[in-house]
């Protein structure tokens, strides 16, 4: 695995120090910030491949930071928090976080989760830059951007990952459990409705009133991507 840049936004200096040391030993290039304002500034300057974000910061909520990042960037985010409320976990994931780890945690587990996320991104097919869903919607798989009628549609990281999973497996039905496992990975224990929420958002952003939904509900089973139009698969 090539060297990746990680941005750690954490106000606890002892956690910052041990994580910086441990992650650097794993071959990652690590930059740190102790509050949300400095973290957002570092994001612009450091251009990380993945963000490790503490939920409780002195100047702003980790939820707000996650939302700001997800609105502008397609970056994987791992949330760290001392709070164990399942509602917080689901909210964080729905705002765009890729994983959620309660404190205290084993650094080896964090490293493993980081590698899982980065490996998933690294192993995504890169043979083609564009994947056409239909004549109106196309995905730039390398830039992780989506266009509808030549206008860019802003997707949150998990919305993009879900769309890509279904696009690469057209006509295959995925259960909600399978989607959670493939897109959210590891041992996500949140509500299955998280998948429904993300599908609804994709439909709202990408569907056309004059065409069938891009993502079809298979009642009693799950979801699948409708057949990509012939002649519009890749370029």
C-alpha atoms as a PDB file:
ATOM      1  CA  UNK A   1       0.000   0.000   0.000  1.00  0.00           C
ATOM      2  CA  UNK A   2       1.437   3.404  -0.995  1.00  0.00           C
ATOM      3  CA  UNK A   3       1.925   6.119   1.618  1.00  0.00           C
ATOM      4  CA  UNK A   4      -1.348   7.801   2.504  1.00  0.00           C
ATOM      5  CA  UNK A   5      -1.877  11.122   4.245  1.00  0.00           C
ATOM      6  CA  UNK A   6      -4.056  11.097   7.362  1.00  0.00           C
ATOM      7  CA  UNK A   7      -5.493  14.162   9.092  1.00  0.00           C
ATOM      8  CA  UNK A   8      -6.151  13.696  12.818  1.00  0.00           C
ATOM      9  CA  UNK A   9      -8.535  16.219  14.414  1.00  0.00           C
ATOM     10  CA  UNK A  10      -8.390  15.503  18.155  1.00  0.00           C
ATOM     11  CA  UNK A  11      -8.193  17.854  21.155  1.00  0.00           C
ATOM     12  CA  UNK A  12      -6.671  15.331  23.593  1.00  0.00           C
ATOM     13  CA  UNK A  13      -2.900  15.778  23.284  1.00  0.00           C
ATOM     14  CA  UNK A  14      -2.102  12.329  24.691  1.00  0.00           C
ATOM     15  CA  UNK A  15      -4.311  10.645  22.087  1.00  0.00           C
ATOM     16  CA  UNK A  16      -2.845  12.836  19.334  1.00  0.00           C
ATOM     17  CA  UNK A  17       0.694  11.919  20.338  1.00  0.00           C
ATOM     18  CA  UNK A  18       0.162   8.154  20.548  1.00  0.00           C
ATOM     19  CA  UNK A  19      -1.843   8.060  17.320  1.00  0.00           C
ATOM     20  CA  UNK A  20       0.692  10.181  15.451  1.00  0.00           C
ATOM     21  CA  UNK A  21       3.487   7.890  16.612  1.00  0.00           C
ATOM     22  CA  UNK A  22       1.626   4.650  15.914  1.00  0.00           C
ATOM     23  CA  UNK A  23       0.229   5.665  12.533  1.00  0.00           C
ATOM     24  CA  UNK A  24       3.595   7.054  11.406  1.00  0.00           C
ATOM     25  CA  UNK A  25       5.181   3.706  12.268  1.00  0.00           C
ATOM     26  CA  UNK A  26       2.582   2.075   9.996  1.00  0.00           C
ATOM     27  CA  UNK A  27       3.861   4.191   7.125  1.00  0.00           C
ATOM     28  CA  UNK A  28       1.199   6.907   7.108  1.00  0.00           C
ATOM     29  CA  UNK A  29       1.987  10.606   6.830  1.00  0.00           C
ATOM     30  CA  UNK A  30       0.076  12.221   9.700  1.00  0.00           C
ATOM     31  CA  UNK A  31      -0.968  15.827  10.257  1.00  0.00           C
ATOM     32  CA  UNK A  32      -2.791  16.943  13.411  1.00  0.00           C
ATOM     33  CA  UNK A  33      -5.178  19.641  14.572  1.00  0.00           C
ATOM     34  CA  UNK A  34      -6.522  20.205  18.083  1.00  0.00           C
ATOM     35  CA  UNK A  35      -9.796  21.913  17.148  1.00  0.00           C
ATOM     36  CA  UNK A  36     -12.311  22.145  14.340  1.00  0.00           C
ATOM     37  CA  UNK A  37     -11.148  25.472  12.919  1.00  0.00           C
ATOM     38  CA  UNK A  38      -7.538  24.346  12.595  1.00  0.00           C
ATOM     39  CA  UNK A  39      -8.716  20.985  11.270  1.00  0.00           C
ATOM     40  CA  UNK A  40     -10.665  22.559   8.418  1.00  0.00           C
ATOM     41  CA  UNK A  41      -7.687  24.770   7.595  1.00  0.00           C
ATOM     42  CA  UNK A  42      -5.354  21.761   7.596  1.00  0.00           C
ATOM     43  CA  UNK A  43      -7.775  19.959   5.313  1.00  0.00           C
ATOM     44  CA  UNK A  44      -7.321  22.653   2.666  1.00  0.00           C
ATOM     45  CA  UNK A  45      -3.531  22.771   3.014  1.00  0.00           C
ATOM     46  CA  UNK A  46      -2.651  19.115   3.687  1.00  0.00           C
ATOM     47  CA  UNK A  47      -5.118  17.439   1.289  1.00  0.00           C
ATOM     48  CA  UNK A  48      -5.425  14.177   3.265  1.00  0.00           C
ATOM     49  CA  UNK A  49      -6.616  10.827   1.945  1.00  0.00           C
ATOM     50  CA  UNK A  50      -8.542  10.060   5.153  1.00  0.00           C
ATOM     51  CA  UNK A  51      -9.667  12.002   8.235  1.00  0.00           C
ATOM     52  CA  UNK A  52      -9.781  10.751  11.831  1.00  0.00           C
ATOM     53  CA  UNK A  53     -12.228  13.045  13.613  1.00  0.00           C
ATOM     54  CA  UNK A  54     -13.013  13.392  17.308  1.00  0.00           C
ATOM     55  CA  UNK A  55     -16.703  13.973  17.886  1.00  0.00           C
ATOM     56  CA  UNK A  56     -16.291  16.296  20.897  1.00  0.00           C
ATOM     57  CA  UNK A  57     -14.015  19.249  20.141  1.00  0.00           C
ATOM     58  CA  UNK A  58     -13.631  22.497  22.106  1.00  0.00           C
ATOM     59  CA  UNK A  59     -14.855  24.893  19.408  1.00  0.00           C
ATOM     60  CA  UNK A  60     -17.362  22.958  17.280  1.00  0.00           C
ATOM     61  CA  UNK A  61     -19.144  19.640  17.032  1.00  0.00           C
ATOM     62  CA  UNK A  62     -17.584  16.784  15.108  1.00  0.00           C
ATOM     63  CA  UNK A  63     -20.989  16.325  13.484  1.00  0.00           C
ATOM     64  CA  UNK A  64     -20.793  19.861  12.063  1.00  0.00           C
ATOM     65  CA  UNK A  65     -17.262  19.286  10.806  1.00  0.00           C
ATOM     66  CA  UNK A  66     -18.270  15.980   9.216  1.00  0.00           C
ATOM     67  CA  UNK A  67     -21.166  17.698   7.472  1.00  0.00           C
ATOM     68  CA  UNK A  68     -18.958  20.528   6.181  1.00  0.00           C
ATOM     69  CA  UNK A  69     -16.363  18.101   4.831  1.00  0.00           C
ATOM     70  CA  UNK A  70     -18.937  15.793   3.212  1.00  0.00           C
ATOM     71  CA  UNK A  71     -20.626  18.690   1.433  1.00  0.00           C
ATOM     72  CA  UNK A  72     -17.393  19.689  -0.311  1.00  0.00           C
ATOM     73  CA  UNK A  73     -15.151  16.629  -0.461  1.00  0.00           C
ATOM     74  CA  UNK A  74     -15.335  12.911  -1.155  1.00  0.00           C
ATOM     75  CA  UNK A  75     -13.084  11.891   1.735  1.00  0.00           C
ATOM     76  CA  UNK A  76     -13.408   8.911   4.082  1.00  0.00           C
ATOM     77  CA  UNK A  77     -13.923   9.914   7.728  1.00  0.00           C
ATOM     78  CA  UNK A  78     -13.472   7.812  10.868  1.00  0.00           C
ATOM     79  CA  UNK A  79     -15.137   9.276  13.951  1.00  0.00           C
ATOM     80  CA  UNK A  80     -13.663   8.823  17.432  1.00  0.00           C
ATOM     81  CA  UNK A  81     -15.864   9.456  20.453  1.00  0.00           C
ATOM     82  CA  UNK A  82     -16.333   8.672  24.119  1.00  0.00           C
ATOM     83  CA  UNK A  83     -20.095   8.677  23.553  1.00  0.00           C
ATOM     84  CA  UNK A  84     -21.709   5.293  22.903  1.00  0.00           C
ATOM     85  CA  UNK A  85     -25.264   6.342  22.063  1.00  0.00           C
ATOM     86  CA  UNK A  86     -26.417   4.446  18.949  1.00  0.00           C
ATOM     87  CA  UNK A  87     -28.262   7.588  17.808  1.00  0.00           C
ATOM     88  CA  UNK A  88     -24.944   9.456  17.676  1.00  0.00           C
ATOM     89  CA  UNK A  89     -23.395   6.625  15.709  1.00  0.00           C
ATOM     90  CA  UNK A  90     -26.174   6.523  13.133  1.00  0.00           C
ATOM     91  CA  UNK A  91     -26.163  10.321  12.807  1.00  0.00           C
ATOM     92  CA  UNK A  92     -22.426  10.365  12.225  1.00  0.00           C
ATOM     93  CA  UNK A  93     -22.648   7.694   9.537  1.00  0.00           C
ATOM     94  CA  UNK A  94     -25.564   9.422   7.826  1.00  0.00           C
ATOM     95  CA  UNK A  95     -23.664  12.722   7.797  1.00  0.00           C
ATOM     96  CA  UNK A  96     -20.913  11.058   5.789  1.00  0.00           C
ATOM     97  CA  UNK A  97     -18.604   9.249   8.220  1.00  0.00           C
ATOM     98  CA  UNK A  98     -17.289   5.883   7.051  1.00  0.00           C
ATOM     99  CA  UNK A  99     -16.703   4.392  10.481  1.00  0.00           C
ATOM    100  CA  UNK A 100     -17.303   5.143  14.148  1.00  0.00           C
ATOM    101  CA  UNK A 101     -14.996   3.961  16.924  1.00  0.00           C
ATOM    102  CA  UNK A 102     -15.826   4.455  20.627  1.00  0.00           C
ATOM    103  CA  UNK A 103     -13.138   5.389  23.145  1.00  0.00           C
ATOM    104  CA  UNK A 104     -11.184   3.751  24.606  1.00  0.00           C
ATOM    105  CA  UNK A 105     -10.061   1.788  21.557  1.00  0.00           C
ATOM    106  CA  UNK A 106      -7.240  -0.503  20.553  1.00  0.00           C
ATOM    107  CA  UNK A 107      -4.864   1.258  18.158  1.00  0.00           C
ATOM    108  CA  UNK A 108      -4.443  -1.991  16.246  1.00  0.00           C
ATOM    109  CA  UNK A 109      -8.174  -1.988  15.517  1.00  0.00           C
ATOM    110  CA  UNK A 110      -8.060   1.623  14.327  1.00  0.00           C
ATOM    111  CA  UNK A 111      -5.142   0.825  12.028  1.00  0.00           C
ATOM    112  CA  UNK A 112      -7.018  -2.186  10.661  1.00  0.00           C
ATOM    113  CA  UNK A 113     -10.127  -0.101   9.979  1.00  0.00           C
ATOM    114  CA  UNK A 114      -8.068   2.596   8.251  1.00  0.00           C
ATOM    115  CA  UNK A 115      -6.457   0.000   6.009  1.00  0.00           C
ATOM    116  CA  UNK A 116      -9.830  -1.575   5.167  1.00  0.00           C
ATOM    117  CA  UNK A 117     -11.206   1.776   4.005  1.00  0.00           C
ATOM    118  CA  UNK A 118      -8.098   2.735   2.037  1.00  0.00           C
ATOM    119  CA  UNK A 119      -7.847  -0.724   0.481  1.00  0.00           C
ATOM    120  CA  UNK A 120     -11.456  -0.494  -0.658  1.00  0.00           C
ATOM    121  CA  UNK A 121     -10.735   2.820  -2.359  1.00  0.00           C
ATOM    122  CA  UNK A 122      -7.456   1.577  -3.813  1.00  0.00           C
ATOM    123  CA  UNK A 123      -9.061  -1.567  -5.240  1.00  0.00           C
ATOM    124  CA  UNK A 124     -11.926   0.172  -6.985  1.00  0.00           C
ATOM    125  CA  UNK A 125     -11.689  -0.457 -10.732  1.00  0.00           C
ATOM    126  CA  UNK A 126      -9.737   2.293 -12.483  1.00  0.00           C
ATOM    127  CA  UNK A 127      -9.821   1.030 -16.054  1.00  0.00           C
ATOM    128  CA  UNK A 128     -12.283   3.712 -17.074  1.00  0.00           C
ATOM    129  CA  UNK A 129     -12.652   7.267 -15.904  1.00  0.00           C
ATOM    130  CA  UNK A 130     -16.369   7.411 -16.582  1.00  0.00           C
ATOM    131  CA  UNK A 131     -19.201   5.027 -15.898  1.00  0.00           C
ATOM    132  CA  UNK A 132     -22.524   5.872 -17.503  1.00  0.00           C
ATOM    133  CA  UNK A 133     -25.674   4.988 -15.585  1.00  0.00           C
ATOM    134  CA  UNK A 134     -27.864   6.184 -18.432  1.00  0.00           C
ATOM    135  CA  UNK A 135     -27.748   8.901 -21.062  1.00  0.00           C
ATOM    136  CA  UNK A 136     -28.114  11.577 -18.385  1.00  0.00           C
ATOM    137  CA  UNK A 137     -26.071  10.352 -15.413  1.00  0.00           C
ATOM    138  CA  UNK A 138     -22.370   9.546 -15.428  1.00  0.00           C
ATOM    139  CA  UNK A 139     -19.796   8.840 -12.734  1.00  0.00           C
ATOM    140  CA  UNK A 140     -16.173   9.913 -12.806  1.00  0.00           C
ATOM    141  CA  UNK A 141     -14.793   6.960 -10.867  1.00  0.00           C
ATOM    142  CA  UNK A 142     -11.334   8.422 -10.342  1.00  0.00           C
ATOM    143  CA  UNK A 143     -12.378  11.915  -9.247  1.00  0.00           C
ATOM    144  CA  UNK A 144     -15.381  10.481  -7.344  1.00  0.00           C
ATOM    145  CA  UNK A 145     -17.767  12.951  -8.916  1.00  0.00           C
ATOM    146  CA  UNK A 146     -21.228  12.458 -10.442  1.00  0.00           C
ATOM    147  CA  UNK A 147     -22.898  14.427 -13.224  1.00  0.00           C
ATOM    148  CA  UNK A 148     -26.524  14.654 -14.279  1.00  0.00           C
ATOM    149  CA  UNK A 149     -27.161  16.380 -17.604  1.00  0.00           C
ATOM    150  CA  UNK A 150     -23.573  17.706 -17.454  1.00  0.00           C
ATOM    151  CA  UNK A 151     -24.138  19.384 -14.074  1.00  0.00           C
ATOM    152  CA  UNK A 152     -22.202  18.043 -11.095  1.00  0.00           C
ATOM    153  CA  UNK A 153     -24.348  16.505  -8.374  1.00  0.00           C
ATOM    154  CA  UNK A 154     -22.911  16.735  -4.869  1.00  0.00           C
ATOM    155  CA  UNK A 155     -22.963  13.340  -3.139  1.00  0.00           C
ATOM    156  CA  UNK A 156     -21.824  12.465   0.345  1.00  0.00           C
ATOM    157  CA  UNK A 157     -19.070   9.816   0.523  1.00  0.00           C
ATOM    158  CA  UNK A 158     -21.425   6.990   1.457  1.00  0.00           C
ATOM    159  CA  UNK A 159     -23.945   7.999  -1.201  1.00  0.00           C
ATOM    160  CA  UNK A 160     -21.164   7.821  -3.773  1.00  0.00           C
ATOM    161  CA  UNK A 161     -19.896   4.452  -2.507  1.00  0.00           C
ATOM    162  CA  UNK A 162     -23.416   3.008  -2.580  1.00  0.00           C
ATOM    163  CA  UNK A 163     -24.012   4.299  -6.104  1.00  0.00           C
ATOM    164  CA  UNK A 164     -20.692   2.853  -7.273  1.00  0.00           C
ATOM    165  CA  UNK A 165     -21.374  -0.538  -5.693  1.00  0.00           C
ATOM    166  CA  UNK A 166     -24.718  -0.871  -7.461  1.00  0.00           C
ATOM    167  CA  UNK A 167     -23.327   0.530 -10.732  1.00  0.00           C
ATOM    168  CA  UNK A 168     -20.548  -2.040 -10.915  1.00  0.00           C
ATOM    169  CA  UNK A 169     -23.078  -4.810 -10.212  1.00  0.00           C
ATOM    170  CA  UNK A 170     -26.003  -3.855 -12.433  1.00  0.00           C
ATOM    171  CA  UNK A 171     -29.062  -6.094 -12.123  1.00  0.00           C
ATOM    172  CA  UNK A 172     -27.641  -7.798  -9.031  1.00  0.00           C
ATOM    173  CA  UNK A 173     -29.913  -7.549  -5.990  1.00  0.00           C
ATOM    174  CA  UNK A 174     -28.206  -6.545  -2.743  1.00  0.00           C
ATOM    175  CA  UNK A 175     -29.914  -6.985   0.611  1.00  0.00           C
ATOM    176  CA  UNK A 176     -29.646  -4.151   3.103  1.00  0.00           C
ATOM    177  CA  UNK A 177     -27.283  -6.276   5.210  1.00  0.00           C
ATOM    178  CA  UNK A 178     -25.022  -6.843   2.203  1.00  0.00           C
ATOM    179  CA  UNK A 179     -24.985  -3.135   1.410  1.00  0.00           C
ATOM    180  CA  UNK A 180     -24.078  -2.258   4.982  1.00  0.00           C
ATOM    181  CA  UNK A 181     -21.266  -4.812   4.897  1.00  0.00           C
ATOM    182  CA  UNK A 182     -19.916  -3.723   1.503  1.00  0.00           C
ATOM    183  CA  UNK A 183     -20.318   0.033   1.825  1.00  0.00           C
ATOM    184  CA  UNK A 184     -20.018   0.711   5.551  1.00  0.00           C
ATOM    185  CA  UNK A 185     -17.743  -2.312   6.160  1.00  0.00           C
ATOM    186  CA  UNK A 186     -16.547  -3.785   9.443  1.00  0.00           C
ATOM    187  CA  UNK A 187     -19.202  -4.387  12.115  1.00  0.00           C
ATOM    188  CA  UNK A 188     -21.710  -1.589  11.619  1.00  0.00           C
ATOM    189  CA  UNK A 189     -24.532  -2.172  14.076  1.00  0.00           C
ATOM    190  CA  UNK A 190     -26.857   0.682  13.175  1.00  0.00           C
ATOM    191  CA  UNK A 191     -30.369   0.627  11.800  1.00  0.00           C
ATOM    192  CA  UNK A 192     -30.972  -0.958   8.381  1.00  0.00           C
ATOM    193  CA  UNK A 193     -32.983   2.160   7.573  1.00  0.00           C
ATOM    194  CA  UNK A 194     -29.647   3.886   7.013  1.00  0.00           C
ATOM    195  CA  UNK A 195     -29.551   2.152   3.620  1.00  0.00           C
ATOM    196  CA  UNK A 196     -33.087   3.269   2.787  1.00  0.00           C
ATOM    197  CA  UNK A 197     -32.216   6.872   3.640  1.00  0.00           C
ATOM    198  CA  UNK A 198     -29.188   6.837   1.335  1.00  0.00           C
ATOM    199  CA  UNK A 199     -31.163   5.253  -1.525  1.00  0.00           C
ATOM    200  CA  UNK A 200     -33.874   7.893  -1.157  1.00  0.00           C
ATOM    201  CA  UNK A 201     -31.269  10.654  -1.304  1.00  0.00           C
ATOM    202  CA  UNK A 202     -29.700   9.188  -4.449  1.00  0.00           C
ATOM    203  CA  UNK A 203     -33.093   8.964  -6.134  1.00  0.00           C
ATOM    204  CA  UNK A 204     -33.901  12.545  -5.231  1.00  0.00           C
ATOM    205  CA  UNK A 205     -30.605  13.781  -6.633  1.00  0.00           C
ATOM    206  CA  UNK A 206     -30.319  11.614  -9.754  1.00  0.00           C
ATOM    207  CA  UNK A 207     -33.732  10.400 -10.939  1.00  0.00           C
ATOM    208  CA  UNK A 208     -35.631  12.068 -13.756  1.00  0.00           C
ATOM    209  CA  UNK A 209     -39.444  12.384 -13.647  1.00  0.00           C
ATOM    210  CA  UNK A 210     -39.660  11.010 -17.185  1.00  0.00           C
ATOM    211  CA  UNK A 211     -37.558   7.877 -16.521  1.00  0.00           C
ATOM    212  CA  UNK A 212     -37.774   4.865 -14.185  1.00  0.00           C
ATOM    213  CA  UNK A 213     -35.806   5.132 -10.917  1.00  0.00           C
ATOM    214  CA  UNK A 214     -32.114   4.422 -11.319  1.00  0.00           C
ATOM    215  CA  UNK A 215     -32.166   2.257  -8.199  1.00  0.00           C
ATOM    216  CA  UNK A 216     -34.990  -0.266  -8.072  1.00  0.00           C
ATOM    217  CA  UNK A 217     -36.535  -1.608  -4.888  1.00  0.00           C
ATOM    218  CA  UNK A 218     -36.876  -5.394  -4.964  1.00  0.00           C
ATOM    219  CA  UNK A 219     -39.600  -5.921  -2.391  1.00  0.00           C
ATOM    220  CA  UNK A 220     -38.704  -8.343   0.361  1.00  0.00           C
ATOM    221  CA  UNK A 221     -35.063  -8.447  -0.739  1.00  0.00           C
ATOM    222  CA  UNK A 222     -33.286  -5.114  -1.172  1.00  0.00           C
ATOM    223  CA  UNK A 223     -32.071  -2.930  -4.018  1.00  0.00           C
ATOM    224  CA  UNK A 224     -30.519  -3.201  -7.448  1.00  0.00           C
ATOM    225  CA  UNK A 225     -29.303  -0.876 -10.168  1.00  0.00           C
ATOM    226  CA  UNK A 226     -31.534  -0.896 -13.221  1.00  0.00           C
ATOM    227  CA  UNK A 227     -29.888  -2.088 -16.426  1.00  0.00           C
ATOM    228  CA  UNK A 228     -27.436   0.465 -17.735  1.00  0.00           C
ATOM    229  CA  UNK A 229     -28.470   1.528 -21.226  1.00  0.00           C
ATOM    230  CA  UNK A 230     -26.799  -0.389 -24.007  1.00  0.00           C
ATOM    231  CA  UNK A 231     -23.943   1.564 -25.469  1.00  0.00           C
ATOM    232  CA  UNK A 232     -23.559   3.718 -22.361  1.00  0.00           C
ATOM    233  CA  UNK A 233     -21.529   1.522 -20.063  1.00  0.00           C
ATOM    234  CA  UNK A 234     -18.058   3.066 -20.127  1.00  0.00           C
ATOM    235  CA  UNK A 235     -15.877   5.379 -22.167  1.00  0.00           C
END
